Amino acid sequence: MTDAIARYKRNFQDEIDSAAQYRAMADAEPDEKVARIYRELGAMEEKHAKFWADRLEKANARIPPAFPSWRARVLSFVARRFGAHMVLPTVATKEYKDRNAYVGQPETANTKMVAQEHSHARVLQSIMIARASAEGNTAGGEVARVEGRHRRVGGNALRAAVLGANDGLCSNLALIMGVAGASQAGGRAILLAGTAGLVAGAFSMAFGEWISVTSSRELAEREVGVEREELENEPEEEREELQLIYEARGFPKEEAKELAGRLIEDPKNALDVLAREELGIDPSELGGSPRTAAATSFFLFAFGAAFPLAPFVFTAGNRALASSIGVSAAVLFLIGAAISVLTGRSAIRSGARQLVIGLAAAGVTYGIGRALGVALG
């Protein structure tokens, strides 16, 4: 019971802090529509605080004073002094980080609090996007910080390809070098070990990716199912959440209310919109195909792992070993340069870093293999 009371107090303080921040942001917000949204969010957080205060009272525990923490007071001061936009990214990031805080807490299982916390994160994100668009800064840092955490971007395919090939190359190069050190560059042993490493690693990566995507799909299906039940049982609350989201996107209040009302009248379209707007889930995809993800991971890993292995197919001994190191070094540099496309850093610097790290790992495993080979005779 002591742990539960401590959790109640933490939740109570978090809600008091959030309510204080929203009030300060509303006071400092020049756009009355956005200010009203902040006030409504603050009022909702005050209801959540009362929920936890009631739990403390039922547990015969002392209810802490309803005073914001020092962090919340600082953010409130900054908002009132310099404008709500100065703290919006910080508040939005925290709301997104804590959106699942009530998931798994038994007291909130039959309440709207979990869905409301998700909604808060989405509403703040919408405000940030609308504000950045109005300022001609849709690619701004504030949006990227929040949006990038849960929305897929076009660079993910390139990143997956680069990292998959890199995993295959580095792991198989290290394995081949270790066996080479232990077997005094015996070609057959290296070829067998490298082939086994390629096949085993590719299957391991494929299975891991299949499990990952399948789990993500199952979680998405569960969240969409919960949203479907809420839409059936509490359509008015869902309509209000949609209205808030559209108002945050810049729609006038009456227009947002009318649009939300029309959507709620069509359950199928309403569920699609709510899943996208509140959960960030595309119901038609649910995170992608596990089979496609598994096959892609398998072939990318195998592709990378083939480079250090290829020389041993055509030759043997020190010549094959030197060729393997040379080919692997070139590809490592190219992978590092490709990564710079995602990071925006110098291609030469990224390529050199990748080269040093990959060859260092290969050198360590070669040394360990050599030492074990000598020790074991």
Protein backbone atom coordinates (compact mmCIF):
# COMPACT_ATOMS: atom_id res chain seq x y z
CA MET A 1 0.00 0.00 0.00
CA THR A 2 2.91 2.31 0.71
CA ASP A 3 4.08 2.01 -2.91
CA ALA A 4 0.59 2.79 -4.19
CA ILE A 5 0.33 5.91 -2.01
CA ALA A 6 3.72 7.12 -3.26
CA ARG A 7 2.52 6.60 -6.84
CA TYR A 8 -0.70 8.49 -6.12
CA LYS A 9 1.32 11.41 -4.79
CA ARG A 10 3.61 11.44 -7.84
CA ASN A 11 0.63 11.40 -10.17
CA PHE A 12 -1.09 14.13 -8.17
CA GLN A 13 2.00 16.36 -8.34
CA ASP A 14 2.44 15.77 -12.08
CA GLU A 15 -1.16 16.81 -12.72
CA ILE A 16 -0.84 19.90 -10.52
CA ASP A 17 2.32 20.88 -12.43
CA SER A 18 0.67 20.36 -15.82
CA ALA A 19 -2.40 22.37 -14.83
CA ALA A 20 -0.23 25.27 -13.64
CA GLN A 21 1.79 25.26 -16.85
CA TYR A 22 -1.31 25.24 -19.04
CA ARG A 23 -2.83 28.14 -17.07
CA ALA A 24 0.34 30.15 -17.53
CA MET A 25 0.47 29.34 -21.23
CA ALA A 26 -3.19 30.35 -21.61
CA ASP A 27 -2.54 33.67 -19.86
CA ALA A 28 0.39 34.44 -22.17
CA GLU A 29 -1.11 33.16 -25.44
CA PRO A 30 -2.17 36.00 -27.80
CA ASP A 31 -4.32 33.71 -29.96
CA GLU A 32 -7.58 33.35 -28.05
CA LYS A 33 -8.46 30.05 -29.76
CA VAL A 34 -5.20 28.47 -28.69
CA ALA A 35 -5.47 30.05 -25.23
CA ARG A 36 -8.89 28.44 -24.80
CA ILE A 37 -7.40 25.06 -25.73
CA TYR A 38 -4.69 25.52 -23.08
CA ARG A 39 -7.36 26.39 -20.50
CA GLU A 40 -9.37 23.29 -21.38
CA LEU A 41 -6.27 21.11 -21.13
CA GLY A 42 -5.49 22.68 -17.76
CA ALA A 43 -9.03 22.03 -16.54
CA MET A 44 -8.71 18.39 -17.58
CA GLU A 45 -5.43 18.07 -15.68
CA GLU A 46 -7.12 19.56 -12.59
CA LYS A 47 -9.77 16.83 -12.84
CA HIS A 48 -6.99 14.26 -13.01
CA ALA A 49 -5.37 15.80 -9.92
CA LYS A 50 -8.68 15.53 -8.06
CA PHE A 51 -8.89 11.89 -9.13
CA TRP A 52 -5.59 11.15 -7.39
CA ALA A 53 -6.49 13.30 -4.40
CA ASP A 54 -9.63 11.18 -3.95
CA ARG A 55 -7.50 8.03 -4.10
CA LEU A 56 -5.22 9.41 -1.39
CA GLU A 57 -8.21 10.31 0.76
CA LYS A 58 -9.67 6.82 0.41
CA ALA A 59 -6.30 5.39 1.43
CA ASN A 60 -6.31 7.63 4.54
CA ALA A 61 -3.13 9.30 3.28
CA ARG A 62 -2.21 12.96 3.54
CA ILE A 63 -3.01 14.95 0.41
CA PRO A 64 0.01 17.12 -0.48
CA PRO A 65 -0.48 20.88 -0.93
CA ALA A 66 -1.61 21.70 -4.46
CA PHE A 67 1.52 23.75 -5.20
CA PRO A 68 3.47 23.43 -8.47
CA SER A 69 7.02 22.10 -8.28
CA TRP A 70 9.98 24.40 -8.84
CA ARG A 71 10.30 23.17 -12.43
CA ALA A 72 6.65 23.93 -13.17
CA ARG A 73 6.99 27.36 -11.55
CA VAL A 74 10.03 28.15 -13.70
CA LEU A 75 8.24 27.09 -16.89
CA SER A 76 5.17 29.09 -15.88
CA PHE A 77 7.30 32.17 -15.26
CA VAL A 78 9.01 31.81 -18.64
CA ALA A 79 5.63 31.38 -20.37
CA ARG A 80 4.15 34.49 -18.75
CA ARG A 81 7.28 36.55 -19.23
CA PHE A 82 8.33 35.56 -22.74
CA GLY A 83 5.29 33.88 -24.25
CA ALA A 84 3.71 30.42 -24.36
CA HIS A 85 5.70 29.49 -27.46
CA MET A 86 8.89 29.53 -25.38
CA VAL A 87 7.80 26.55 -23.28
CA LEU A 88 5.54 24.78 -25.78
CA PRO A 89 8.28 22.43 -27.11
CA THR A 90 9.29 21.45 -23.56
CA VAL A 91 5.72 20.84 -22.42
CA ALA A 92 4.84 18.98 -25.63
CA THR A 93 7.89 16.74 -25.33
CA LYS A 94 7.03 15.85 -21.73
CA GLU A 95 3.40 15.15 -22.65
CA TYR A 96 4.55 12.81 -25.40
CA LYS A 97 7.07 11.10 -23.13
CA ASP A 98 4.44 10.60 -20.39
CA ARG A 99 1.51 9.73 -22.65
CA ASN A 100 1.61 6.09 -21.47
CA ALA A 101 2.18 6.90 -17.80
CA TYR A 102 -1.26 5.62 -16.81
CA VAL A 103 -1.12 2.49 -18.93
CA GLY A 104 -0.95 -0.44 -16.52
CA GLN A 105 -2.10 1.55 -13.49
CA PRO A 106 -5.20 -0.33 -12.26
CA GLU A 107 -6.94 2.79 -10.97
CA THR A 108 -7.20 4.28 -14.47
CA ALA A 109 -8.17 1.08 -16.28
CA ASN A 110 -11.88 1.95 -16.57
CA THR A 111 -11.46 5.69 -17.04
CA LYS A 112 -10.78 8.01 -19.96
CA MET A 113 -7.51 9.20 -18.44
CA VAL A 114 -5.22 7.06 -20.60
CA ALA A 115 -6.92 8.22 -23.81
CA GLN A 116 -6.94 11.82 -22.58
CA GLU A 117 -3.18 11.77 -21.95
CA HIS A 118 -2.68 10.50 -25.50
CA SER A 119 -4.98 13.24 -26.73
CA HIS A 120 -3.01 15.94 -24.89
CA ALA A 121 0.18 14.89 -26.65
CA ARG A 122 -1.55 14.96 -30.04
CA VAL A 123 -3.19 18.35 -29.41
CA LEU A 124 0.10 19.97 -28.44
CA GLN A 125 1.78 18.44 -31.48
CA SER A 126 -0.98 19.90 -33.66
CA ILE A 127 -0.46 23.34 -32.14
CA MET A 128 3.26 23.13 -32.82
CA ILE A 129 2.73 22.07 -36.43
CA ALA A 130 0.17 24.81 -37.02
CA ARG A 131 2.42 27.43 -35.43
CA ALA A 132 5.50 26.31 -37.35
CA SER A 133 3.53 26.33 -40.59
CA ALA A 134 2.27 29.85 -39.90
CA GLU A 135 5.85 30.97 -39.33
CA GLY A 136 7.07 29.24 -42.50
CA ASN A 137 9.13 26.83 -40.42
CA THR A 138 7.57 23.43 -40.96
CA ALA A 139 10.97 21.80 -40.79
CA GLY A 140 11.83 23.63 -37.58
CA GLY A 141 13.54 22.04 -34.64
CA GLU A 142 10.50 22.18 -32.36
CA VAL A 143 8.37 20.11 -34.71
CA ALA A 144 11.17 17.70 -35.48
CA ARG A 145 11.82 17.02 -31.81
CA VAL A 146 8.27 15.91 -31.13
CA GLU A 147 7.18 14.63 -34.52
CA GLY A 148 10.32 12.62 -35.13
CA ARG A 149 9.74 10.39 -32.14
CA HIS A 150 6.65 8.72 -33.45
CA ARG A 151 6.17 9.44 -37.12
CA ARG A 152 8.02 7.51 -39.81
CA VAL A 153 10.04 9.52 -42.28
CA GLY A 154 11.35 8.73 -45.72
CA GLY A 155 14.90 8.28 -44.48
CA ASN A 156 13.96 5.19 -42.47
CA ALA A 157 14.24 2.88 -45.52
CA LEU A 158 17.73 4.15 -46.28
CA ARG A 159 18.71 3.91 -42.64
CA ALA A 160 17.46 0.32 -42.41
CA ALA A 161 19.35 -0.63 -45.56
CA VAL A 162 22.59 0.98 -44.41
CA LEU A 163 22.47 -0.40 -40.89
CA GLY A 164 21.41 -3.88 -42.02
CA ALA A 165 24.33 -4.15 -44.43
CA ASN A 166 26.68 -2.70 -41.83
CA ASP A 167 25.63 -5.30 -39.23
CA GLY A 168 26.25 -8.12 -41.66
CA LEU A 169 29.64 -6.83 -42.79
CA CYS A 170 31.02 -6.00 -39.32
CA SER A 171 29.84 -9.16 -37.60
CA ASN A 172 31.02 -11.51 -40.34
CA LEU A 173 34.33 -9.67 -40.78
CA ALA A 174 34.98 -10.01 -37.05
CA LEU A 175 34.05 -13.70 -37.14
CA ILE A 176 36.29 -14.39 -40.15
CA MET A 177 39.22 -12.55 -38.58
CA GLY A 178 38.81 -14.47 -35.34
CA VAL A 179 38.83 -17.81 -37.14
CA ALA A 180 41.74 -16.66 -39.30
CA GLY A 181 43.78 -15.83 -36.22
CA ALA A 182 43.02 -19.17 -34.61
CA SER A 183 43.57 -21.32 -37.70
CA GLN A 184 46.63 -19.55 -39.10
CA ALA A 185 44.61 -18.39 -42.11
CA GLY A 186 43.31 -21.83 -43.05
CA GLY A 187 41.03 -21.17 -46.00
CA ARG A 188 38.51 -23.99 -45.59
CA ALA A 189 37.84 -23.31 -41.91
CA ILE A 190 37.37 -19.62 -42.62
CA LEU A 191 35.04 -20.26 -45.55
CA LEU A 192 32.88 -22.60 -43.48
CA ALA A 193 32.80 -20.24 -40.49
CA GLY A 194 32.03 -17.22 -42.67
CA THR A 195 29.22 -19.02 -44.48
CA ALA A 196 27.75 -20.21 -41.18
CA GLY A 197 28.00 -16.67 -39.81
CA LEU A 198 26.24 -15.24 -42.86
CA VAL A 199 23.37 -17.72 -42.77
CA ALA A 200 22.92 -17.74 -38.98
CA GLY A 201 23.14 -13.96 -38.72
CA ALA A 202 20.70 -13.39 -41.56
CA PHE A 203 18.14 -15.75 -40.04
CA SER A 204 18.63 -14.19 -36.62
CA MET A 205 18.09 -10.69 -37.99
CA ALA A 206 15.04 -11.80 -39.98
CA PHE A 207 13.46 -13.51 -36.99
CA GLY A 208 14.19 -10.55 -34.72
CA GLU A 209 12.64 -8.13 -37.20
CA TRP A 210 9.61 -10.37 -37.65
CA ILE A 211 9.07 -10.48 -33.88
CA SER A 212 9.54 -6.71 -33.60
CA VAL A 213 7.08 -5.78 -36.36
CA THR A 214 4.56 -8.42 -35.27
CA SER A 215 4.63 -7.11 -31.70
CA SER A 216 4.21 -3.54 -32.94
CA ARG A 217 1.24 -4.59 -35.07
CA GLU A 218 -0.39 -6.41 -32.17
CA LEU A 219 0.06 -3.35 -29.94
CA ALA A 220 -1.37 -1.09 -32.66
CA GLU A 221 -4.33 -3.44 -33.14
CA ARG A 222 -4.99 -3.35 -29.41
CA GLU A 223 -4.87 0.46 -29.29
CA VAL A 224 -7.20 0.73 -32.30
CA GLY A 225 -9.53 -1.77 -30.62
CA VAL A 226 -9.61 0.34 -27.45
CA GLU A 227 -10.32 3.43 -29.57
CA ARG A 228 -13.16 1.55 -31.30
CA GLU A 229 -14.73 0.68 -27.93
CA GLU A 230 -14.41 4.26 -26.70
CA LEU A 231 -16.02 5.50 -29.89
CA GLU A 232 -18.94 3.13 -29.40
CA ASN A 233 -19.39 3.77 -25.68
CA GLU A 234 -18.47 7.46 -25.33
CA PRO A 235 -18.90 9.15 -28.72
CA GLU A 236 -19.41 12.63 -27.24
CA GLU A 237 -16.04 12.63 -25.47
CA GLU A 238 -14.35 11.43 -28.64
CA ARG A 239 -16.06 14.22 -30.56
CA GLU A 240 -14.76 16.78 -28.06
CA GLU A 241 -11.21 15.47 -28.42
CA LEU A 242 -11.44 15.65 -32.20
CA GLN A 243 -12.79 19.18 -31.95
CA LEU A 244 -9.83 20.23 -29.82
CA ILE A 245 -7.39 18.70 -32.29
CA TYR A 246 -8.97 20.52 -35.24
CA GLU A 247 -9.06 23.79 -33.33
CA ALA A 248 -5.35 23.34 -32.60
CA ARG A 249 -4.82 22.92 -36.34
CA GLY A 250 -6.33 26.37 -36.90
CA PHE A 251 -10.01 25.62 -37.56
CA PRO A 252 -12.55 28.05 -36.06
CA LYS A 253 -14.41 26.61 -33.08
CA GLU A 254 -17.77 26.17 -34.84
CA GLU A 255 -16.17 24.70 -37.94
CA ALA A 256 -14.08 22.30 -35.85
CA LYS A 257 -17.20 21.29 -33.91
CA GLU A 258 -19.17 20.68 -37.09
CA LEU A 259 -16.34 18.69 -38.69
CA ALA A 260 -15.88 16.55 -35.58
CA GLY A 261 -19.63 15.95 -35.40
CA ARG A 262 -19.81 14.81 -39.01
CA LEU A 263 -16.92 12.41 -38.52
CA ILE A 264 -18.43 10.85 -35.41
CA GLU A 265 -21.62 10.11 -37.36
CA ASP A 266 -19.65 7.75 -39.61
CA PRO A 267 -18.04 5.18 -37.25
CA LYS A 268 -15.65 3.76 -39.84
CA ASN A 269 -14.23 7.12 -40.91
CA ALA A 270 -14.28 8.36 -37.32
CA LEU A 271 -12.17 5.41 -36.18
CA ASP A 272 -9.71 5.99 -39.02
CA VAL A 273 -9.32 9.67 -38.13
CA LEU A 274 -9.11 9.07 -34.37
CA ALA A 275 -6.48 6.37 -34.84
CA ARG A 276 -4.37 8.71 -36.95
CA GLU A 277 -4.90 11.86 -34.92
CA GLU A 278 -4.83 10.49 -31.36
CA LEU A 279 -2.62 7.43 -31.69
CA GLY A 280 -0.49 8.25 -34.73
CA ILE A 281 -1.46 4.88 -36.25
CA ASP A 282 -2.46 4.24 -39.85
CA PRO A 283 -5.16 1.53 -39.48
CA SER A 284 -4.51 0.31 -43.02
CA GLU A 285 -0.85 -0.47 -42.30
CA LEU A 286 -0.48 -0.99 -38.53
CA GLY A 287 3.29 -0.73 -38.74
CA GLY A 288 3.97 -2.66 -41.95
CA SER A 289 4.29 -6.29 -42.97
CA PRO A 290 6.31 -8.65 -40.71
CA ARG A 291 7.16 -10.85 -43.70
CA THR A 292 8.49 -7.94 -45.73
CA ALA A 293 10.50 -6.67 -42.78
CA ALA A 294 11.94 -10.13 -42.12
CA ALA A 295 12.86 -10.75 -45.76
CA THR A 296 14.43 -7.31 -46.08
CA SER A 297 16.54 -7.81 -42.95
CA PHE A 298 17.63 -11.26 -44.12
CA PHE A 299 18.88 -10.08 -47.51
CA LEU A 300 20.46 -6.85 -46.23
CA PHE A 301 22.43 -8.72 -43.57
CA ALA A 302 23.47 -11.40 -46.06
CA PHE A 303 24.49 -8.72 -48.56
CA GLY A 304 26.81 -7.06 -46.06
CA ALA A 305 28.18 -10.35 -44.72
CA ALA A 306 29.10 -11.52 -48.22
CA PHE A 307 31.83 -8.88 -48.74
CA PRO A 308 34.41 -10.20 -46.23
CA LEU A 309 33.56 -13.79 -47.21
CA ALA A 310 33.78 -13.43 -51.02
CA PRO A 311 37.62 -13.51 -51.37
CA PHE A 312 37.76 -16.92 -49.63
CA VAL A 313 35.47 -18.35 -52.33
CA PHE A 314 38.02 -17.58 -55.04
CA THR A 315 41.36 -17.90 -53.25
CA ALA A 316 42.88 -18.87 -49.90
CA GLY A 317 45.64 -18.13 -47.44
CA ASN A 318 47.11 -14.71 -46.80
CA ARG A 319 46.01 -13.47 -50.21
CA ALA A 320 42.37 -14.15 -49.40
CA LEU A 321 42.79 -12.64 -45.94
CA ALA A 322 44.33 -9.45 -47.31
CA SER A 323 41.64 -9.19 -50.00
CA SER A 324 38.92 -9.66 -47.39
CA ILE A 325 40.32 -6.86 -45.26
CA GLY A 326 40.72 -4.58 -48.28
CA VAL A 327 37.22 -5.16 -49.65
CA SER A 328 35.67 -4.83 -46.20
CA ALA A 329 37.57 -1.61 -45.52
CA ALA A 330 36.32 -0.06 -48.75
CA VAL A 331 32.72 -1.04 -48.07
CA LEU A 332 32.95 0.14 -44.45
CA PHE A 333 34.05 3.55 -45.68
CA LEU A 334 31.20 3.67 -48.19
CA ILE A 335 28.67 2.71 -45.50
CA GLY A 336 29.98 5.46 -43.26
CA ALA A 337 29.68 7.93 -46.13
CA ALA A 338 26.11 6.76 -46.77
CA ILE A 339 25.25 7.32 -43.11
CA SER A 340 26.33 10.94 -43.52
CA VAL A 341 23.33 11.39 -45.83
CA LEU A 342 21.13 10.84 -42.78
CA THR A 343 23.22 12.76 -40.26
CA GLY A 344 24.28 15.69 -42.43
CA ARG A 345 27.89 15.35 -41.28
CA SER A 346 31.04 15.13 -43.38
CA ALA A 347 31.08 12.04 -45.59
CA ILE A 348 34.83 11.65 -45.19
CA ARG A 349 34.68 11.92 -41.43
CA SER A 350 31.76 9.49 -41.15
CA GLY A 351 33.42 7.05 -43.54
CA ALA A 352 36.71 7.20 -41.65
CA ARG A 353 34.98 6.68 -38.32
CA GLN A 354 33.14 3.64 -39.65
CA LEU A 355 36.38 2.27 -41.10
CA VAL A 356 38.30 2.64 -37.84
CA ILE A 357 35.57 1.06 -35.72
CA GLY A 358 35.03 -1.87 -38.09
CA LEU A 359 38.72 -2.66 -38.49
CA ALA A 360 39.30 -2.26 -34.76
CA ALA A 361 36.64 -4.87 -34.03
CA ALA A 362 38.20 -7.18 -36.63
CA GLY A 363 41.66 -6.63 -35.15
CA VAL A 364 40.48 -7.46 -31.63
CA THR A 365 38.81 -10.70 -32.71
CA TYR A 366 41.85 -11.65 -34.79
CA GLY A 367 44.07 -11.14 -31.72
CA ILE A 368 41.76 -13.18 -29.52
CA GLY A 369 41.60 -15.95 -32.11
CA ARG A 370 45.37 -15.96 -32.48
CA ALA A 371 45.87 -16.17 -28.73
CA LEU A 372 43.37 -19.00 -28.38
CA GLY A 373 44.90 -20.83 -31.35
CA VAL A 374 48.33 -20.71 -29.78
CA ALA A 375 47.03 -21.65 -26.33
CA LEU A 376 45.00 -24.60 -27.56
CA GLY A 377 47.69 -25.77 -29.93
